[in-house]
Amino acid sequence: MAEKALEDLFHDMLKDVYYAERKILKTLPKMAKGAQSPKLKAAFEKHRDETEGQIERLQQVFEIFGKRAVGKTCPAIDGIIEEGEEILDEFKGSPALDAGLLATAQAVEHYEMARYGTLKTWAGMLGLKDAVKLLDETLQQEGATDHALTALAEASVNATALKKAA
């Protein structure tokens, strides 16, 4: 078996996050539809638009790396999304629904930030300067989304979750 190198690991993780972003893009409309808070709906819709740009940047990174943009099944993101779907089903109509959806969205953001941070570092080590810039742009965007979700949770969503269902 051929020895694998950092280039192989970079490519593998790039495929993983490409799959994840495409899966997230398909899931965000469901989350927006299920959200009860207009502000949370708007946050999901905004992130859907951002995710489209993130996918485009990933396609550019694949091109810089000299590979075709293709995804690889990511069990981690599949699991987080499955949890979100369970929350949608189990808490439908509940005051706690939005808090659960928001927590799921933040789990997604934290996963993405971990992956983009690692990919950015490895791209730098591999001399892929243009890829570093693209990955950093997405990393910053994911961080900003996480901060916005935290602010929304603290301002209203978590307090609403404390209320008893009617």
Protein backbone atom coordinates (compact mmCIF):
# COMPACT_ATOMS: atom_id res chain seq x y z
CA MET A 1 0.00 0.00 0.00
CA ALA A 2 1.36 3.39 -1.01
CA GLU A 3 2.34 5.71 1.80
CA LYS A 4 -0.08 8.60 2.18
CA ALA A 5 1.07 12.19 2.66
CA LEU A 6 -0.40 15.51 3.78
CA GLU A 7 -1.57 16.18 0.21
CA ASP A 8 -3.74 13.06 0.40
CA LEU A 9 -5.17 14.06 3.77
CA PHE A 10 -5.88 17.59 2.50
CA HIS A 11 -7.69 16.20 -0.54
CA ASP A 12 -9.68 13.77 1.60
CA MET A 13 -10.81 16.48 4.02
CA LEU A 14 -11.58 18.84 1.14
CA LYS A 15 -13.93 16.20 -0.34
CA ASP A 16 -15.46 15.70 3.11
CA VAL A 17 -16.25 19.39 3.63
CA TYR A 18 -17.49 19.75 0.04
CA TYR A 19 -20.02 16.99 0.71
CA ALA A 20 -20.93 18.63 4.02
CA GLU A 21 -21.56 22.07 2.49
CA ARG A 22 -23.75 20.61 -0.25
CA LYS A 23 -25.72 18.61 2.33
CA ILE A 24 -26.11 21.73 4.49
CA LEU A 25 -27.34 23.69 1.47
CA LYS A 26 -30.15 21.14 1.01
CA THR A 27 -31.02 21.14 4.73
CA LEU A 28 -31.16 24.88 5.47
CA PRO A 29 -34.52 25.46 3.72
CA LYS A 30 -36.09 22.74 5.91
CA MET A 31 -34.69 24.38 9.02
CA ALA A 32 -35.91 27.80 7.91
CA LYS A 33 -39.36 26.41 7.21
CA GLY A 34 -39.48 24.70 10.61
CA ALA A 35 -38.23 27.68 12.62
CA GLN A 36 -40.89 29.64 14.49
CA SER A 37 -38.89 32.83 15.10
CA PRO A 38 -38.78 35.18 12.10
CA LYS A 39 -35.22 36.13 13.08
CA LEU A 40 -34.10 32.51 13.13
CA LYS A 41 -35.80 31.88 9.77
CA ALA A 42 -33.92 34.89 8.37
CA ALA A 43 -30.63 33.64 9.82
CA PHE A 44 -31.09 30.25 8.13
CA GLU A 45 -31.99 31.90 4.82
CA LYS A 46 -28.96 34.21 5.03
CA HIS A 47 -26.68 31.27 5.75
CA ARG A 48 -28.13 29.38 2.80
CA ASP A 49 -27.00 32.22 0.53
CA GLU A 50 -23.57 32.24 2.19
CA THR A 51 -23.28 28.48 1.78
CA GLU A 52 -23.69 28.82 -1.98
CA GLY A 53 -20.65 31.12 -1.99
CA GLN A 54 -18.74 28.71 0.24
CA ILE A 55 -19.36 25.89 -2.21
CA GLU A 56 -18.07 28.08 -5.04
CA ARG A 57 -14.92 28.85 -3.05
CA LEU A 58 -14.39 25.14 -2.37
CA GLN A 59 -14.66 24.47 -6.10
CA GLN A 60 -11.91 27.06 -6.61
CA VAL A 61 -9.75 25.35 -3.98
CA PHE A 62 -10.17 22.02 -5.79
CA GLU A 63 -9.08 23.76 -9.00
CA ILE A 64 -6.03 25.33 -7.31
CA PHE A 65 -5.14 21.88 -5.93
CA GLY A 66 -5.51 20.38 -9.42
CA LYS A 67 -8.38 18.06 -8.56
CA ARG A 68 -11.99 17.71 -9.63
CA ALA A 69 -14.58 18.96 -7.12
CA VAL A 70 -16.19 15.85 -5.73
CA GLY A 71 -17.66 15.06 -2.34
CA LYS A 72 -17.05 12.15 -0.01
CA THR A 73 -19.78 11.01 2.40
CA CYS A 74 -19.28 12.69 5.75
CA PRO A 75 -20.84 10.70 8.61
CA ALA A 76 -20.21 13.57 11.04
CA ILE A 77 -22.37 16.09 9.17
CA ASP A 78 -24.94 13.40 8.38
CA GLY A 79 -25.26 12.74 12.12
CA ILE A 80 -25.63 16.39 13.05
CA ILE A 81 -28.27 16.89 10.34
CA GLU A 82 -30.11 13.76 11.47
CA GLU A 83 -30.24 15.20 15.01
CA GLY A 84 -31.70 18.41 13.59
CA GLU A 85 -34.37 16.45 11.74
CA GLU A 86 -35.25 14.62 14.96
CA ILE A 87 -35.63 17.97 16.73
CA LEU A 88 -37.90 19.20 13.94
CA ASP A 89 -40.12 16.13 14.40
CA GLU A 90 -40.04 15.77 18.17
CA PHE A 91 -40.37 19.45 19.11
CA LYS A 92 -42.72 20.67 16.38
CA GLY A 93 -45.01 23.34 17.85
CA SER A 94 -43.00 23.43 21.09
CA PRO A 95 -41.52 26.65 22.52
CA ALA A 96 -38.19 24.78 22.64
CA LEU A 97 -38.11 24.02 18.89
CA ASP A 98 -36.09 27.07 17.88
CA ALA A 99 -33.53 26.54 20.65
CA GLY A 100 -33.02 22.98 19.39
CA LEU A 101 -32.69 24.08 15.78
CA LEU A 102 -30.28 26.84 16.75
CA ALA A 103 -28.17 24.40 18.78
CA THR A 104 -28.03 22.08 15.77
CA ALA A 105 -27.00 24.97 13.52
CA GLN A 106 -24.21 25.85 15.94
CA ALA A 107 -23.01 22.24 15.96
CA VAL A 108 -22.77 22.50 12.17
CA GLU A 109 -20.88 25.81 12.43
CA HIS A 110 -18.39 24.39 14.93
CA TYR A 111 -17.78 21.36 12.72
CA GLU A 112 -17.21 23.63 9.73
CA MET A 113 -14.89 25.97 11.64
CA ALA A 114 -12.77 23.00 12.76
CA ARG A 115 -12.52 21.71 9.20
CA TYR A 116 -11.83 25.08 7.55
CA GLY A 117 -9.21 25.96 10.15
CA THR A 118 -7.39 22.70 9.51
CA LEU A 119 -7.67 22.99 5.72
CA LYS A 120 -6.37 26.57 5.83
CA THR A 121 -3.34 25.50 7.87
CA TRP A 122 -2.60 22.56 5.60
CA ALA A 123 -3.05 24.67 2.46
CA GLY A 124 -0.43 27.05 3.83
CA MET A 125 1.96 24.17 4.54
CA LEU A 126 1.40 22.88 1.00
CA GLY A 127 2.15 26.30 -0.51
CA LEU A 128 -1.40 26.86 -1.78
CA LYS A 129 -1.52 30.61 -1.01
CA ASP A 130 -4.65 31.31 -3.05
CA ALA A 131 -6.43 28.41 -1.35
CA VAL A 132 -5.45 29.82 2.07
CA LYS A 133 -7.23 33.08 1.22
CA LEU A 134 -10.38 31.31 0.05
CA LEU A 135 -10.48 28.97 3.05
CA ASP A 136 -9.87 31.86 5.45
CA GLU A 137 -12.74 33.83 3.90
CA THR A 138 -15.08 30.93 4.60
CA LEU A 139 -13.63 30.36 8.07
CA GLN A 140 -14.29 34.02 8.96
CA GLN A 141 -17.82 33.78 7.57
CA GLU A 142 -18.55 30.64 9.60
CA GLY A 143 -17.27 32.35 12.74
CA ALA A 144 -19.48 35.37 12.12
CA THR A 145 -22.49 33.09 11.64
CA ASP A 146 -21.73 31.32 14.91
CA HIS A 147 -21.51 34.67 16.74
CA ALA A 148 -24.80 35.81 15.19
CA LEU A 149 -26.50 32.58 16.27
CA THR A 150 -25.16 32.98 19.81
CA ALA A 151 -26.51 36.53 19.95
CA LEU A 152 -29.90 35.36 18.72
CA ALA A 153 -29.97 32.55 21.30
CA GLU A 154 -29.10 34.93 24.11
CA ALA A 155 -31.45 37.71 22.98
CA SER A 156 -34.62 35.67 22.57
CA VAL A 157 -34.57 32.04 21.44
CA ASN A 158 -33.38 30.46 24.68
CA ALA A 159 -35.81 32.50 26.80
CA THR A 160 -38.68 31.44 24.56
CA ALA A 161 -37.63 27.79 25.05
CA LEU A 162 -38.27 28.14 28.81
CA LYS A 163 -41.95 28.78 28.27
CA LYS A 164 -44.38 25.91 28.73
CA ALA A 165 -46.18 24.64 25.65
CA ALA A 166 -49.78 25.84 25.50
